Each structure stands twice: as C-alpha cells, then as structure tokens.
C-alpha cells in the first residue's frame, strides 16, 4: 500500500461521513439520542463509536495509547458530535497527508484500552479504520433511512466516479 492509495481511502471516508452528517442534521434531538438494536446502540452511540475509533487509531499511530474512550453521553446534540468529529477529521487528514510510504510499511506498537500490547503494520491498521467506518456508516445509514432521512448511496465507486 502506498500513500496515494491511502489518501484516496481516507478521502472516501470523509466523503461518506459527510453524507451521513448531512442526513443526520435533519433528525430531531430525540431521534439522535434514541436507543437502537445495533451492536453499539442507536445513531448517537454508533457515530460516537466510529469517531472514537478514528481518534484512538490516530493517537496510536502518533505513539500515544489512550486509556479512555469517547462516550456517547459526551454529545447531547448532533451538532456537538459533528463539531468534535470535524476537529478529529482535520487532525486525521493531516496525519494521512504527512505519512510517508516508508512509514506506512513500518511496524508500530501500542497498548489497547484493556492494557494488551499489540503491534501492526501502519498501512494495515489505517485501511482497517476506513473499513471499520464503512461498517458503522452502513448501520447509521439504515437508522437514518428508518427515520426518513436516507444519506443516499455511500459506495466507494460512486466517490471514485465523482472524483475523476
């Protein structure tokens, strides 16, 4: 994997997240915080989990192993979650844009929030973050559609067609 390929993946990630944010901005407060039957609960919980994953992996790539999690209760409104996410997205994209091909193929070490030590190749964990986001965006898209606010298609091929 090279830097250009990862930049494309992360730009897709941004594009797809934006589609989710646009649809979610139409929800009522009650819809945003309502519980759900998905693995991480409702929309607020699912989006918070996805934000947490992007944040913690970026921190790990930078050599920090956080021991705390971002929690849904930190976001009483969709706008507060979106604001925090856009701050994280900026830092994440700075990391993506600054990483080198050499660094992408290197091993990094980190400790999980449970205290378990791991090591991975950087590009593999970066690809994981985008794939992980895809899973949870799909869950979010289902919830949004059920609320009558579908984000539309979020397929990567559509992003690639628009990009060209």
N, C-alpha and C. Protein backbone atom coordinates (compact mmCIF):
# COMPACT_ATOMS: atom_id res chain seq x y z
N UNK A 1 0.86 -1.18 0.00
CA UNK A 1 0.00 0.00 0.00
C UNK A 1 0.90 1.23 0.00
N UNK A 2 0.49 2.22 -0.75
CA UNK A 2 1.27 3.46 -0.79
C UNK A 2 0.43 4.63 -0.31
N UNK A 3 1.10 5.75 -0.12
CA UNK A 3 0.45 6.94 0.42
C UNK A 3 -0.72 7.39 -0.44
N UNK A 4 -0.55 7.39 -1.74
CA UNK A 4 -1.61 7.86 -2.63
C UNK A 4 -2.87 7.01 -2.47
N UNK A 5 -2.71 5.69 -2.38
CA UNK A 5 -3.87 4.81 -2.20
C UNK A 5 -4.56 5.09 -0.87
N UNK A 6 -3.78 5.27 0.19
CA UNK A 6 -4.39 5.55 1.49
C UNK A 6 -5.06 6.91 1.52
N UNK A 7 -4.48 7.88 0.86
CA UNK A 7 -5.14 9.19 0.78
C UNK A 7 -6.50 9.06 0.10
N UNK A 8 -6.57 8.25 -0.94
CA UNK A 8 -7.85 8.04 -1.62
C UNK A 8 -8.85 7.39 -0.68
N UNK A 9 -8.42 6.37 0.08
CA UNK A 9 -9.32 5.71 1.03
C UNK A 9 -9.84 6.70 2.07
N UNK A 10 -8.96 7.53 2.59
CA UNK A 10 -9.38 8.46 3.64
C UNK A 10 -10.22 9.61 3.09
N UNK A 11 -10.02 9.97 1.85
CA UNK A 11 -10.88 10.99 1.24
C UNK A 11 -12.28 10.40 0.99
N UNK A 12 -12.31 9.14 0.62
CA UNK A 12 -13.61 8.46 0.52
C UNK A 12 -14.29 8.46 1.90
N UNK A 13 -13.53 8.14 2.93
CA UNK A 13 -14.05 8.11 4.29
C UNK A 13 -14.68 9.46 4.66
N UNK A 14 -14.00 10.54 4.33
CA UNK A 14 -14.52 11.89 4.57
C UNK A 14 -15.82 12.13 3.82
N UNK A 15 -15.81 11.78 2.54
CA UNK A 15 -16.98 11.99 1.68
C UNK A 15 -18.19 11.23 2.22
N UNK A 16 -17.98 9.97 2.58
CA UNK A 16 -19.09 9.15 3.09
C UNK A 16 -19.57 9.66 4.44
N UNK A 17 -18.64 10.06 5.30
CA UNK A 17 -19.05 10.63 6.59
C UNK A 17 -19.89 11.88 6.39
N UNK A 18 -19.50 12.71 5.44
CA UNK A 18 -20.25 13.94 5.18
C UNK A 18 -21.68 13.63 4.76
N UNK A 19 -21.87 12.58 3.97
CA UNK A 19 -23.22 12.20 3.57
C UNK A 19 -24.06 11.78 4.79
N UNK A 20 -23.42 11.08 5.72
CA UNK A 20 -24.11 10.68 6.95
C UNK A 20 -24.44 11.92 7.77
N UNK A 21 -23.48 12.84 7.91
CA UNK A 21 -23.72 14.06 8.69
C UNK A 21 -24.85 14.89 8.10
N UNK A 22 -24.88 14.99 6.78
CA UNK A 22 -25.92 15.78 6.12
C UNK A 22 -27.30 15.22 6.43
N UNK A 23 -27.43 13.90 6.33
CA UNK A 23 -28.72 13.27 6.63
C UNK A 23 -29.05 13.39 8.11
N UNK A 24 -28.07 13.20 8.98
CA UNK A 24 -28.31 13.23 10.43
C UNK A 24 -28.68 14.62 10.91
N UNK A 25 -28.28 15.64 10.19
CA UNK A 25 -28.62 17.00 10.61
C UNK A 25 -30.13 17.27 10.54
N UNK A 26 -30.87 16.39 9.89
CA UNK A 26 -32.32 16.53 9.79
C UNK A 26 -33.09 15.87 10.93
N UNK A 27 -32.39 15.17 11.81
CA UNK A 27 -33.07 14.45 12.88
C UNK A 27 -33.48 15.37 14.02
N UNK A 28 -34.48 14.94 14.74
CA UNK A 28 -34.82 15.62 15.99
C UNK A 28 -33.82 15.17 17.06
N UNK A 29 -33.78 15.90 18.15
CA UNK A 29 -32.89 15.52 19.27
C UNK A 29 -33.25 14.13 19.79
N UNK A 30 -34.54 13.86 19.88
CA UNK A 30 -34.98 12.55 20.38
C UNK A 30 -34.54 11.42 19.45
N UNK A 31 -34.62 11.64 18.15
CA UNK A 31 -34.17 10.62 17.21
C UNK A 31 -32.66 10.40 17.34
N UNK A 32 -31.91 11.48 17.48
CA UNK A 32 -30.46 11.38 17.59
C UNK A 32 -30.03 10.56 18.80
N UNK A 33 -30.67 10.75 19.94
CA UNK A 33 -30.23 10.06 21.16
C UNK A 33 -30.98 8.76 21.42
N UNK A 34 -31.96 8.43 20.60
CA UNK A 34 -32.75 7.23 20.84
C UNK A 34 -31.90 5.97 20.78
N UNK A 35 -32.24 4.97 21.61
CA UNK A 35 -31.50 3.71 21.59
C UNK A 35 -31.82 2.93 20.31
N UNK A 36 -31.01 1.96 20.01
CA UNK A 36 -31.25 1.15 18.83
C UNK A 36 -30.80 -0.28 19.06
N UNK A 37 -31.11 -1.14 18.12
CA UNK A 37 -30.77 -2.56 18.24
C UNK A 37 -29.49 -2.95 17.52
N UNK A 38 -28.68 -1.98 17.18
CA UNK A 38 -27.42 -2.26 16.51
C UNK A 38 -26.34 -2.56 17.56
N UNK A 39 -25.22 -3.12 17.15
CA UNK A 39 -24.19 -3.51 18.13
C UNK A 39 -23.77 -2.40 19.09
N UNK A 40 -23.78 -1.14 18.64
CA UNK A 40 -23.39 -0.04 19.52
C UNK A 40 -24.59 0.83 19.91
N UNK A 41 -25.78 0.35 19.64
CA UNK A 41 -26.99 1.08 20.03
C UNK A 41 -27.53 1.92 18.89
N UNK A 42 -28.05 3.10 19.25
CA UNK A 42 -28.66 4.00 18.28
C UNK A 42 -27.64 4.83 17.53
N UNK A 43 -28.14 5.85 16.85
CA UNK A 43 -27.29 6.66 15.98
C UNK A 43 -26.19 7.37 16.76
N UNK A 44 -26.53 8.04 17.86
CA UNK A 44 -25.51 8.74 18.64
C UNK A 44 -24.41 7.78 19.08
N UNK A 45 -24.79 6.62 19.59
CA UNK A 45 -23.81 5.65 20.07
C UNK A 45 -22.97 5.08 18.93
N UNK A 46 -23.60 4.81 17.82
CA UNK A 46 -22.87 4.26 16.67
C UNK A 46 -21.88 5.28 16.12
N UNK A 47 -22.32 6.51 15.95
CA UNK A 47 -21.42 7.55 15.44
C UNK A 47 -20.30 7.85 16.44
N UNK A 48 -20.61 7.85 17.72
CA UNK A 48 -19.57 8.08 18.72
C UNK A 48 -18.54 6.97 18.68
N UNK A 49 -18.99 5.75 18.54
CA UNK A 49 -18.06 4.62 18.43
C UNK A 49 -17.13 4.80 17.22
N UNK A 50 -17.68 5.24 16.11
CA UNK A 50 -16.89 5.43 14.90
C UNK A 50 -15.90 6.57 15.07
N UNK A 51 -16.33 7.67 15.67
CA UNK A 51 -15.43 8.77 15.98
C UNK A 51 -14.32 8.30 16.90
N UNK A 52 -14.68 7.57 17.94
CA UNK A 52 -13.70 7.05 18.88
C UNK A 52 -12.64 6.22 18.16
N UNK A 53 -13.06 5.37 17.24
CA UNK A 53 -12.11 4.53 16.52
C UNK A 53 -11.13 5.37 15.70
N UNK A 54 -11.64 6.38 15.00
CA UNK A 54 -10.75 7.24 14.21
C UNK A 54 -9.76 7.96 15.12
N UNK A 55 -10.25 8.46 16.24
CA UNK A 55 -9.40 9.19 17.19
C UNK A 55 -8.34 8.28 17.81
N UNK A 56 -8.75 7.12 18.33
CA UNK A 56 -7.80 6.30 19.06
C UNK A 56 -6.73 5.72 18.13
N UNK A 57 -7.12 5.36 16.91
CA UNK A 57 -6.13 4.83 15.99
C UNK A 57 -5.13 5.92 15.58
N UNK A 58 -5.62 7.13 15.34
CA UNK A 58 -4.69 8.21 15.01
C UNK A 58 -3.72 8.44 16.16
N UNK A 59 -4.22 8.46 17.38
CA UNK A 59 -3.35 8.66 18.54
C UNK A 59 -2.31 7.54 18.61
N UNK A 60 -2.72 6.31 18.38
CA UNK A 60 -1.79 5.17 18.39
C UNK A 60 -0.72 5.34 17.33
N UNK A 61 -1.12 5.76 16.13
CA UNK A 61 -0.15 5.96 15.05
C UNK A 61 0.86 7.04 15.42
N UNK A 62 0.43 7.98 16.25
CA UNK A 62 1.31 9.06 16.69
C UNK A 62 2.13 8.68 17.92
N UNK A 63 1.99 7.43 18.39
CA UNK A 63 2.79 6.95 19.50
C UNK A 63 2.15 7.07 20.88
N UNK A 64 0.86 7.39 20.93
CA UNK A 64 0.14 7.53 22.20
C UNK A 64 -0.90 6.42 22.29
N UNK A 65 -0.99 5.78 23.44
CA UNK A 65 -2.01 4.74 23.65
C UNK A 65 -3.02 5.22 24.69
N UNK A 66 -4.09 5.88 24.26
CA UNK A 66 -5.10 6.36 25.22
C UNK A 66 -5.69 5.22 26.04
N UNK A 67 -6.06 5.53 27.25
CA UNK A 67 -6.66 4.52 28.13
C UNK A 67 -8.14 4.79 28.36
N UNK A 68 -8.64 5.89 27.82
CA UNK A 68 -10.05 6.22 27.99
C UNK A 68 -10.75 6.17 26.64
N UNK A 69 -12.04 6.09 26.70
CA UNK A 69 -12.87 6.05 25.50
C UNK A 69 -13.70 7.32 25.39
N UNK A 70 -14.06 7.68 24.17
CA UNK A 70 -15.03 8.75 23.94
C UNK A 70 -16.40 8.11 24.13
N UNK A 71 -17.25 8.75 24.91
CA UNK A 71 -18.55 8.16 25.26
C UNK A 71 -19.70 8.95 24.63
N UNK A 72 -20.78 8.25 24.26
CA UNK A 72 -21.94 8.92 23.66
C UNK A 72 -22.49 10.05 24.53
N UNK A 73 -22.45 9.88 25.85
CA UNK A 73 -23.01 10.87 26.76
C UNK A 73 -22.29 12.22 26.68
N UNK A 74 -21.11 12.24 26.06
CA UNK A 74 -20.38 13.49 25.88
C UNK A 74 -21.05 14.39 24.83
N UNK A 75 -22.02 13.84 24.09
CA UNK A 75 -22.64 14.57 22.99
C UNK A 75 -24.16 14.60 23.18
N UNK A 76 -24.66 15.71 23.70
CA UNK A 76 -26.10 15.85 23.91
C UNK A 76 -26.84 16.21 22.64
N UNK A 77 -26.10 16.72 21.65
CA UNK A 77 -26.73 17.10 20.39
C UNK A 77 -25.90 16.56 19.23
N UNK A 78 -26.55 16.43 18.09
CA UNK A 78 -25.82 16.01 16.90
C UNK A 78 -24.74 17.04 16.55
N UNK A 79 -25.05 18.31 16.69
CA UNK A 79 -24.08 19.36 16.34
C UNK A 79 -22.82 19.25 17.18
N UNK A 80 -22.94 18.91 18.46
CA UNK A 80 -21.74 18.77 19.30
C UNK A 80 -20.88 17.60 18.84
N UNK A 81 -21.52 16.51 18.43
CA UNK A 81 -20.77 15.37 17.90
C UNK A 81 -20.11 15.73 16.57
N UNK A 82 -20.84 16.37 15.71
CA UNK A 82 -20.31 16.75 14.40
C UNK A 82 -19.12 17.71 14.56
N UNK A 83 -19.22 18.66 15.46
CA UNK A 83 -18.12 19.60 15.69
C UNK A 83 -16.87 18.86 16.14
N UNK A 84 -17.02 17.94 17.09
CA UNK A 84 -15.87 17.16 17.58
C UNK A 84 -15.31 16.29 16.46
N UNK A 85 -16.18 15.70 15.66
CA UNK A 85 -15.74 14.83 14.57
C UNK A 85 -14.95 15.62 13.53
N UNK A 86 -15.42 16.79 13.18
CA UNK A 86 -14.71 17.60 12.18
C UNK A 86 -13.35 18.05 12.69
N UNK A 87 -13.23 18.27 14.00
CA UNK A 87 -11.91 18.58 14.58
C UNK A 87 -10.99 17.37 14.43
N UNK A 88 -11.52 16.20 14.73
CA UNK A 88 -10.72 14.98 14.60
C UNK A 88 -10.37 14.71 13.15
N UNK A 89 -11.32 14.91 12.27
CA UNK A 89 -11.08 14.67 10.84
C UNK A 89 -9.92 15.52 10.34
N UNK A 90 -9.85 16.75 10.79
CA UNK A 90 -8.75 17.63 10.38
C UNK A 90 -7.40 17.05 10.82
N UNK A 91 -7.32 16.62 12.07
CA UNK A 91 -6.07 16.04 12.56
C UNK A 91 -5.75 14.73 11.86
N UNK A 92 -6.77 13.92 11.62
CA UNK A 92 -6.58 12.65 10.94
C UNK A 92 -6.05 12.86 9.52
N UNK A 93 -6.65 13.80 8.80
CA UNK A 93 -6.22 14.05 7.43
C UNK A 93 -4.83 14.67 7.38
N UNK A 94 -4.46 15.45 8.37
CA UNK A 94 -3.08 15.95 8.44
C UNK A 94 -2.11 14.79 8.58
N UNK A 95 -2.45 13.82 9.42
CA UNK A 95 -1.61 12.64 9.58
C UNK A 95 -1.50 11.89 8.25
N UNK A 96 -2.63 11.65 7.61
CA UNK A 96 -2.67 10.92 6.34
C UNK A 96 -1.82 11.64 5.29
N UNK A 97 -1.93 12.95 5.22
CA UNK A 97 -1.20 13.71 4.21
C UNK A 97 0.30 13.80 4.49
N UNK A 98 0.69 13.64 5.74
CA UNK A 98 2.11 13.75 6.09
C UNK A 98 2.84 12.42 6.15
N UNK A 99 2.11 11.30 6.22
CA UNK A 99 2.77 10.00 6.34
C UNK A 99 3.56 9.68 5.07
N UNK A 100 4.66 8.97 5.21
CA UNK A 100 5.49 8.58 4.07
C UNK A 100 5.24 7.12 3.71
N UNK A 101 5.60 6.75 2.49
CA UNK A 101 5.48 5.35 2.09
C UNK A 101 6.31 4.45 3.01
N UNK A 102 7.48 4.90 3.39
CA UNK A 102 8.34 4.12 4.28
C UNK A 102 7.64 3.87 5.61
N UNK A 103 7.06 4.92 6.17
CA UNK A 103 6.37 4.81 7.46
C UNK A 103 5.15 3.88 7.34
N UNK A 104 4.44 3.96 6.20
CA UNK A 104 3.26 3.12 6.00
C UNK A 104 3.58 1.64 6.12
N UNK A 105 4.78 1.26 5.72
CA UNK A 105 5.16 -0.14 5.72
C UNK A 105 5.93 -0.55 6.97
N UNK A 106 5.98 0.33 7.96
CA UNK A 106 6.68 0.02 9.20
C UNK A 106 5.71 -0.51 10.26
N UNK A 107 6.30 -1.15 11.26
CA UNK A 107 5.53 -1.70 12.37
C UNK A 107 5.46 -0.65 13.47
N UNK A 108 4.29 -0.52 14.08
CA UNK A 108 4.15 0.35 15.25
C UNK A 108 3.56 -0.47 16.38
N UNK A 109 3.82 -0.03 17.59
CA UNK A 109 3.34 -0.73 18.78
C UNK A 109 2.40 0.18 19.56
N UNK A 110 1.46 -0.45 20.23
CA UNK A 110 0.52 0.30 21.05
C UNK A 110 -0.07 -0.63 22.10
N UNK A 111 -0.75 -0.04 23.04
CA UNK A 111 -1.44 -0.78 24.09
C UNK A 111 -2.92 -0.47 23.98
N UNK A 112 -3.75 -1.51 24.01
CA UNK A 112 -5.20 -1.32 23.91
C UNK A 112 -5.73 -0.67 25.18
N UNK A 113 -6.98 -0.25 25.16
CA UNK A 113 -7.58 0.35 26.35
C UNK A 113 -7.72 -0.68 27.48
N UNK A 114 -7.62 -1.97 27.14
CA UNK A 114 -7.67 -3.03 28.14
C UNK A 114 -6.27 -3.38 28.67
N UNK A 115 -5.23 -2.71 28.15
CA UNK A 115 -3.88 -2.94 28.62
C UNK A 115 -3.10 -4.01 27.87
N UNK A 116 -3.63 -4.50 26.75
CA UNK A 116 -2.96 -5.53 25.96
C UNK A 116 -2.04 -4.86 24.94
N UNK A 117 -0.82 -5.34 24.84
CA UNK A 117 0.15 -4.78 23.89
C UNK A 117 0.02 -5.47 22.53
N UNK A 118 0.08 -4.65 21.47
CA UNK A 118 -0.02 -5.14 20.10
C UNK A 118 1.02 -4.45 19.24
N UNK A 119 1.25 -5.04 18.08
CA UNK A 119 2.00 -4.34 17.04
C UNK A 119 1.38 -4.70 15.70
N UNK A 120 1.33 -3.69 14.82
CA UNK A 120 0.75 -3.86 13.50
C UNK A 120 1.56 -3.07 12.49
N UNK A 121 1.38 -3.41 11.23
CA UNK A 121 1.94 -2.60 10.16
C UNK A 121 1.01 -1.41 9.98
N UNK A 122 1.58 -0.22 9.86
CA UNK A 122 0.78 1.00 9.85
C UNK A 122 -0.30 0.99 8.78
N UNK A 123 0.04 0.69 7.53
CA UNK A 123 -0.96 0.80 6.47
C UNK A 123 -2.13 -0.15 6.71
N UNK A 124 -1.85 -1.33 7.30
CA UNK A 124 -2.94 -2.27 7.55
C UNK A 124 -3.94 -1.72 8.55
N UNK A 125 -3.44 -1.08 9.60
CA UNK A 125 -4.36 -0.51 10.59
C UNK A 125 -5.09 0.71 10.02
N UNK A 126 -4.44 1.44 9.13
CA UNK A 126 -5.10 2.58 8.51
C UNK A 126 -6.23 2.12 7.59
N UNK A 127 -5.98 1.06 6.82
CA UNK A 127 -7.04 0.51 5.97
C UNK A 127 -8.18 -0.03 6.84
N UNK A 128 -7.81 -0.60 7.99
CA UNK A 128 -8.83 -1.09 8.92
C UNK A 128 -9.77 0.03 9.36
N UNK A 129 -9.22 1.20 9.65
CA UNK A 129 -10.05 2.31 10.13
C UNK A 129 -11.11 2.68 9.09
N UNK A 130 -10.74 2.73 7.83
CA UNK A 130 -11.71 3.05 6.79
C UNK A 130 -12.75 1.94 6.67
N UNK A 131 -12.30 0.70 6.70
CA UNK A 131 -13.23 -0.43 6.61
C UNK A 131 -14.17 -0.45 7.82
N UNK A 132 -13.64 -0.21 8.98
CA UNK A 132 -14.45 -0.15 10.20
C UNK A 132 -15.52 0.94 10.07
N UNK A 133 -15.11 2.09 9.56
CA UNK A 133 -16.06 3.18 9.36
C UNK A 133 -17.16 2.80 8.39
N UNK A 134 -16.82 2.03 7.37
CA UNK A 134 -17.81 1.60 6.39
C UNK A 134 -18.89 0.75 7.06
N UNK A 135 -18.47 -0.16 7.92
CA UNK A 135 -19.45 -0.98 8.62
C UNK A 135 -20.43 -0.12 9.41
N UNK A 136 -19.90 0.81 10.18
CA UNK A 136 -20.78 1.59 11.05
C UNK A 136 -21.54 2.68 10.30
N UNK A 137 -20.99 3.19 9.20
CA UNK A 137 -21.77 4.11 8.37
C UNK A 137 -22.98 3.40 7.79
N UNK A 138 -22.80 2.13 7.43
CA UNK A 138 -23.91 1.36 6.90
C UNK A 138 -25.01 1.21 7.95
N UNK A 139 -24.61 0.94 9.18
CA UNK A 139 -25.60 0.86 10.26
C UNK A 139 -26.28 2.22 10.44
N UNK A 140 -25.50 3.29 10.44
CA UNK A 140 -26.05 4.64 10.58
C UNK A 140 -27.00 4.95 9.43
N UNK A 141 -26.61 4.57 8.22
CA UNK A 141 -27.46 4.82 7.05
C UNK A 141 -28.80 4.10 7.19
N UNK A 142 -28.78 2.91 7.73
CA UNK A 142 -30.03 2.17 7.95
C UNK A 142 -30.91 2.90 8.95
N UNK A 143 -30.31 3.35 10.05
CA UNK A 143 -31.08 4.09 11.05
C UNK A 143 -31.65 5.37 10.46
N UNK A 144 -30.82 6.10 9.73
CA UNK A 144 -31.27 7.35 9.12
C UNK A 144 -32.40 7.11 8.13
N UNK A 145 -32.29 6.06 7.35
CA UNK A 145 -33.35 5.71 6.39
C UNK A 145 -34.64 5.39 7.13
N UNK A 146 -34.52 4.66 8.24
CA UNK A 146 -35.71 4.35 9.05
C UNK A 146 -36.36 5.61 9.60
N UNK A 147 -35.57 6.64 9.86
CA UNK A 147 -36.11 7.92 10.33
C UNK A 147 -36.60 8.79 9.18
N UNK A 148 -36.47 8.30 7.94
CA UNK A 148 -36.94 9.05 6.78
C UNK A 148 -35.91 10.01 6.20
N UNK A 149 -34.63 9.81 6.53
CA UNK A 149 -33.56 10.71 6.06
C UNK A 149 -32.38 9.92 5.51
N UNK A 150 -32.61 9.17 4.47
CA UNK A 150 -31.55 8.37 3.88
C UNK A 150 -30.39 9.26 3.42
N UNK A 151 -29.15 8.82 3.67
CA UNK A 151 -28.00 9.57 3.17
C UNK A 151 -27.74 9.32 1.69
N UNK A 152 -28.49 8.42 1.09
CA UNK A 152 -28.24 8.04 -0.30
C UNK A 152 -27.11 7.02 -0.36
N UNK A 153 -26.68 6.74 -1.56
CA UNK A 153 -25.62 5.74 -1.74
C UNK A 153 -24.29 6.26 -1.20
N UNK A 154 -23.60 5.39 -0.49
CA UNK A 154 -22.29 5.75 0.06
C UNK A 154 -21.20 4.80 -0.44
N UNK A 155 -21.45 4.19 -1.58
CA UNK A 155 -20.48 3.27 -2.16
C UNK A 155 -19.21 3.99 -2.59
N UNK A 156 -18.08 3.34 -2.38
CA UNK A 156 -16.80 3.93 -2.74
C UNK A 156 -16.70 4.20 -4.24
N UNK A 157 -17.27 3.33 -5.06
CA UNK A 157 -17.16 3.52 -6.50
C UNK A 157 -17.83 4.83 -6.93
N UNK A 158 -18.89 5.22 -6.24
CA UNK A 158 -19.55 6.50 -6.56
C UNK A 158 -18.63 7.67 -6.23
N UNK A 159 -17.93 7.58 -5.11
CA UNK A 159 -16.94 8.59 -4.76
C UNK A 159 -15.85 8.66 -5.83
N UNK A 160 -15.36 7.51 -6.25
CA UNK A 160 -14.29 7.47 -7.24
C UNK A 160 -14.75 8.05 -8.58
N UNK A 161 -15.97 7.79 -8.96
CA UNK A 161 -16.50 8.33 -10.22
C UNK A 161 -16.62 9.86 -10.14
N UNK A 162 -17.03 10.38 -9.00
CA UNK A 162 -17.16 11.84 -8.84
C UNK A 162 -15.81 12.52 -8.76
N UNK A 163 -14.84 11.81 -8.23
CA UNK A 163 -13.50 12.36 -8.03
C UNK A 163 -12.78 12.59 -9.35
N UNK A 164 -13.07 11.76 -10.33
CA UNK A 164 -12.34 11.80 -11.59
C UNK A 164 -12.82 12.93 -12.46
